[in-house]
Amino acid sequence: MDHAPEATEGAHRFFGERLPRATAFADILADTGVSHGLIGPREVPILWERHILNCAVIEDAFPSGARVVDVGSGAGLPGVAMAIARPDLEIHLVEPMMRRTEWLDGVVADLALENVTVHRARAEEVHGVLSAPFVTARAVARLDKLARWCFPLLDDGGQLVAMKGRSAQEELDAVTPTLRNLGMTAAAVSEHGAAVLPEPTMTVDCTATPRKPGTKRPRRR
């Protein structure tokens, strides 16, 4: 079994007593995560900064006991990383590929994450079936496309917390009219993990009242 690099100082400070589970997750990613094509072998040396810690730090976007849907979870990022850091969160991983969901089921079992449920489906296939006050996603799609998939999963007044890069504000500005037509009522760009990461994680946080199935939202003039 291939092993991940040693946990960074920031990971030690952030995970605290939860670090052994985070380290076990890092080892799984470095081993079967690579062999299953979920991450590239070149990503292994930077697993902590680029993936695990980078994802886990967005946990501060969610209140105690929150229900969160992670769309396009893939390698369990950000969902599994957040579940390790925050056992109080109820995390639902939505991933369409059977090979990946079987891997995720194994990860959840190996790490004994009782707060995680895996769903094999595309986001649009669980519209009207699965909903939550919060939805998150990482590197899935451009923000306007992501909102079409994720807004219908939100409870009224819920929030999409979309992980984005340095151009988060520019992307939000470019698609704001479309997001408003889809039901967005407010949006902001947030920074996470500045104290434990060399470069903080950026998210676009969109509050929305999603369109109900079978109804049409009037266009803004």
Protein backbone atom coordinates (compact mmCIF):
# COMPACT_ATOMS: atom_id res chain seq x y z
CA MET A 1 0.00 0.00 0.00
CA ASP A 2 1.31 3.43 -0.94
CA HIS A 3 1.29 5.99 1.84
CA ALA A 4 0.53 9.68 1.72
CA PRO A 5 3.08 12.26 2.86
CA GLU A 6 3.20 13.22 6.51
CA ALA A 7 0.40 15.48 7.63
CA THR A 8 1.28 19.15 7.47
CA GLU A 9 1.51 21.33 10.54
CA GLY A 10 -1.73 22.98 9.43
CA ALA A 11 -3.43 19.58 9.27
CA HIS A 12 -2.28 18.79 12.81
CA ARG A 13 -3.71 22.09 14.06
CA PHE A 14 -6.94 21.78 12.10
CA PHE A 15 -7.91 18.13 12.66
CA GLY A 16 -6.60 17.77 16.20
CA GLU A 17 -7.81 14.49 17.70
CA ARG A 18 -9.47 13.63 14.36
CA LEU A 19 -6.09 13.55 12.59
CA PRO A 20 -5.73 9.72 12.65
CA ARG A 21 -8.88 9.37 10.52
CA ALA A 22 -7.71 12.13 8.20
CA THR A 23 -4.35 10.35 7.86
CA ALA A 24 -6.12 7.06 7.11
CA PHE A 25 -8.13 8.85 4.39
CA ALA A 26 -4.91 10.29 2.96
CA ASP A 27 -3.41 6.79 2.78
CA ILE A 28 -6.51 5.46 1.00
CA LEU A 29 -6.36 8.31 -1.52
CA ALA A 30 -2.66 7.67 -2.13
CA ASP A 31 -3.34 3.98 -2.73
CA THR A 32 -6.71 2.98 -4.21
CA GLY A 33 -7.62 6.60 -4.92
CA VAL A 34 -4.81 6.60 -7.47
CA SER A 35 -5.41 3.07 -8.80
CA HIS A 36 -9.12 3.89 -9.32
CA GLY A 37 -8.22 7.05 -11.22
CA LEU A 38 -9.82 9.36 -8.66
CA ILE A 39 -6.66 11.39 -8.23
CA GLY A 40 -3.49 11.49 -10.27
CA PRO A 41 -0.22 10.04 -8.92
CA ARG A 42 1.37 13.48 -9.14
CA GLU A 43 -1.20 14.73 -6.64
CA VAL A 44 -0.02 12.38 -3.88
CA PRO A 45 2.84 14.60 -2.60
CA ILE A 46 0.39 17.51 -2.20
CA LEU A 47 -2.60 15.55 -0.91
CA TRP A 48 -2.92 17.59 2.28
CA GLU A 49 -2.67 21.12 0.92
CA ARG A 50 -4.38 20.54 -2.43
CA HIS A 51 -7.10 18.09 -1.45
CA ILE A 52 -7.82 16.98 2.12
CA LEU A 53 -7.14 20.14 4.12
CA ASN A 54 -8.16 22.33 1.19
CA CYS A 55 -11.61 20.71 1.30
CA ALA A 56 -12.03 20.19 5.03
CA VAL A 57 -11.63 23.87 5.87
CA ILE A 58 -14.95 24.79 4.25
CA GLU A 59 -16.65 23.11 7.23
CA ASP A 60 -16.90 26.58 8.81
CA ALA A 61 -19.63 27.39 6.27
CA PHE A 62 -22.04 25.01 8.01
CA PRO A 63 -23.75 25.34 11.40
CA SER A 64 -23.82 22.60 14.01
CA GLY A 65 -25.75 19.51 12.94
CA ALA A 66 -26.28 20.72 9.37
CA ARG A 67 -27.37 18.40 6.57
CA VAL A 68 -25.09 18.80 3.54
CA VAL A 69 -25.26 17.27 0.06
CA ASP A 70 -21.94 16.93 -1.80
CA VAL A 71 -22.65 16.78 -5.55
CA GLY A 72 -20.19 14.93 -7.77
CA SER A 73 -18.26 13.71 -4.76
CA GLY A 74 -15.79 11.59 -6.74
CA ALA A 75 -12.90 10.96 -4.35
CA GLY A 76 -14.97 12.08 -1.36
CA LEU A 77 -13.85 15.66 -1.77
CA PRO A 78 -15.05 17.72 -0.09
CA GLY A 79 -17.65 15.46 1.61
CA VAL A 80 -15.48 12.84 3.31
CA ALA A 81 -12.90 15.42 4.41
CA MET A 82 -15.65 17.50 6.02
CA ALA A 83 -17.24 14.45 7.63
CA ILE A 84 -13.93 13.59 9.29
CA ALA A 85 -13.48 17.12 10.60
CA ARG A 86 -17.11 17.55 11.65
CA PRO A 87 -18.81 14.36 12.93
CA ASP A 88 -21.86 16.49 13.79
CA LEU A 89 -22.61 17.11 10.10
CA GLU A 90 -24.96 14.82 8.15
CA ILE A 91 -23.21 14.35 4.80
CA HIS A 92 -24.78 12.90 1.65
CA LEU A 93 -22.40 12.06 -1.20
CA VAL A 94 -24.01 12.10 -4.65
CA GLU A 95 -21.92 10.44 -7.37
CA PRO A 96 -23.21 8.83 -10.60
CA MET A 97 -20.42 6.34 -11.36
CA MET A 98 -20.83 2.88 -9.80
CA ARG A 99 -17.08 2.28 -9.57
CA ARG A 100 -16.69 5.47 -7.57
CA THR A 101 -19.68 4.88 -5.31
CA GLU A 102 -18.43 1.39 -4.49
CA TRP A 103 -15.07 2.93 -3.59
CA LEU A 104 -16.79 5.61 -1.50
CA ASP A 105 -18.83 2.96 0.33
CA GLY A 106 -15.58 1.21 1.20
CA VAL A 107 -13.97 4.44 2.42
CA VAL A 108 -16.97 5.27 4.61
CA ALA A 109 -16.86 1.77 6.11
CA ASP A 110 -13.07 1.74 6.60
CA LEU A 111 -13.13 5.12 8.35
CA ALA A 112 -16.28 4.27 10.35
CA LEU A 113 -17.99 7.49 9.25
CA GLU A 114 -21.48 7.07 10.61
CA ASN A 115 -22.47 10.56 9.44
CA VAL A 116 -22.05 9.80 5.72
CA THR A 117 -24.50 8.29 3.19
CA VAL A 118 -23.52 7.50 -0.41
CA HIS A 119 -26.04 7.87 -3.26
CA ARG A 120 -25.32 6.57 -6.78
CA ALA A 121 -27.10 9.10 -8.98
CA ARG A 122 -26.70 12.27 -10.96
CA ALA A 123 -27.82 15.37 -9.13
CA GLU A 124 -30.82 15.83 -11.40
CA GLU A 125 -31.95 12.26 -10.68
CA VAL A 126 -32.45 13.05 -6.99
CA HIS A 127 -34.33 16.31 -7.50
CA GLY A 128 -37.46 16.03 -5.39
CA VAL A 129 -36.02 13.02 -3.55
CA LEU A 130 -33.03 14.43 -1.69
CA SER A 131 -32.87 17.93 -0.26
CA ALA A 132 -30.91 19.85 2.36
CA PRO A 133 -30.26 23.34 3.67
CA PHE A 134 -26.75 23.15 2.18
CA VAL A 135 -25.25 21.76 -1.02
CA THR A 136 -21.56 21.81 -1.90
CA ALA A 137 -19.43 20.79 -4.86
CA ARG A 138 -15.82 20.94 -5.95
CA ALA A 139 -14.53 21.23 -9.51
CA VAL A 140 -17.77 19.90 -10.99
CA ALA A 141 -18.87 22.60 -13.43
CA ARG A 142 -19.07 26.32 -14.10
CA LEU A 143 -21.21 28.08 -11.53
CA ASP A 144 -24.29 28.64 -13.71
CA LYS A 145 -24.38 24.99 -14.80
CA LEU A 146 -23.71 23.84 -11.25
CA ALA A 147 -26.63 25.92 -9.97
CA ARG A 148 -29.04 24.22 -12.38
CA TRP A 149 -28.09 20.88 -10.83
CA CYS A 150 -27.79 22.02 -7.21
CA PHE A 151 -30.44 24.66 -6.57
CA PRO A 152 -33.30 22.12 -6.84
CA LEU A 153 -31.64 20.14 -4.02
CA LEU A 154 -31.80 23.12 -1.66
CA ASP A 155 -34.48 23.75 0.90
CA ASP A 156 -36.04 27.20 0.50
CA GLY A 157 -33.47 29.77 1.57
CA GLY A 158 -30.73 27.14 1.45
CA GLN A 159 -27.19 27.76 0.32
CA LEU A 160 -24.92 26.35 -2.36
CA VAL A 161 -21.30 26.48 -1.15
CA ALA A 162 -19.31 26.01 -4.36
CA MET A 163 -15.56 25.55 -4.14
CA LYS A 164 -13.82 27.79 -6.65
CA GLY A 165 -10.35 29.15 -7.32
CA ARG A 166 -8.85 32.61 -7.36
CA SER A 167 -11.28 33.74 -10.06
CA ALA A 168 -14.32 33.04 -7.87
CA GLN A 169 -15.54 36.64 -7.85
CA GLU A 170 -15.09 37.04 -11.60
CA GLU A 171 -17.05 33.85 -12.28
CA LEU A 172 -19.83 34.94 -9.93
CA ASP A 173 -20.05 38.37 -11.57
CA ALA A 174 -20.25 36.80 -15.03
CA VAL A 175 -23.20 34.53 -14.24
CA THR A 176 -25.14 36.51 -11.63
CA PRO A 177 -28.09 37.28 -13.98
CA THR A 178 -28.49 33.56 -14.76
CA LEU A 179 -28.26 32.63 -11.09
CA ARG A 180 -30.95 35.15 -10.21
CA ASN A 181 -33.25 33.65 -12.82
CA LEU A 182 -32.62 30.24 -11.24
CA GLY A 183 -33.68 31.51 -7.82
CA MET A 184 -30.57 33.04 -6.24
CA THR A 185 -31.43 35.72 -3.70
CA ALA A 186 -27.93 36.53 -2.39
CA ALA A 187 -24.31 35.61 -3.07
CA ALA A 188 -20.87 36.21 -1.64
CA VAL A 189 -17.31 34.95 -2.01
CA SER A 190 -15.80 33.52 1.18
CA GLU A 191 -12.27 32.58 2.23
CA HIS A 192 -11.53 29.52 4.38
CA GLY A 193 -8.49 28.08 6.12
CA ALA A 194 -6.11 31.02 5.92
CA ALA A 195 -4.59 30.02 9.26
CA VAL A 196 -3.72 26.45 8.19
CA LEU A 197 -3.17 26.62 4.42
CA PRO A 198 -0.52 28.44 2.39
CA GLU A 199 -3.34 29.63 0.12
CA PRO A 200 -6.89 29.79 1.53
CA THR A 201 -9.79 27.97 -0.08
CA MET A 202 -12.36 30.14 -1.86
CA THR A 203 -16.06 29.40 -2.11
CA VAL A 204 -18.97 31.11 -3.82
CA ASP A 205 -21.92 30.99 -1.43
CA CYS A 206 -25.29 31.34 -3.17
CA THR A 207 -28.50 31.56 -1.16
CA ALA A 208 -31.51 30.47 -3.19
CA THR A 209 -35.19 29.70 -3.13
CA PRO A 210 -35.27 27.02 -5.81
CA ARG A 211 -38.00 26.71 -8.40
CA LYS A 212 -40.50 24.03 -7.49
CA PRO A 213 -40.97 21.14 -9.94
CA GLY A 214 -43.63 21.94 -12.52
CA THR A 215 -43.54 25.69 -11.96
CA LYS A 216 -41.93 28.48 -13.92
CA ARG A 217 -40.14 31.40 -12.36
CA PRO A 218 -41.01 34.72 -13.97
CA ARG A 219 -38.16 36.35 -15.80
CA ARG A 220 -36.64 39.50 -14.37
CA ARG A 221 -37.06 42.50 -16.58
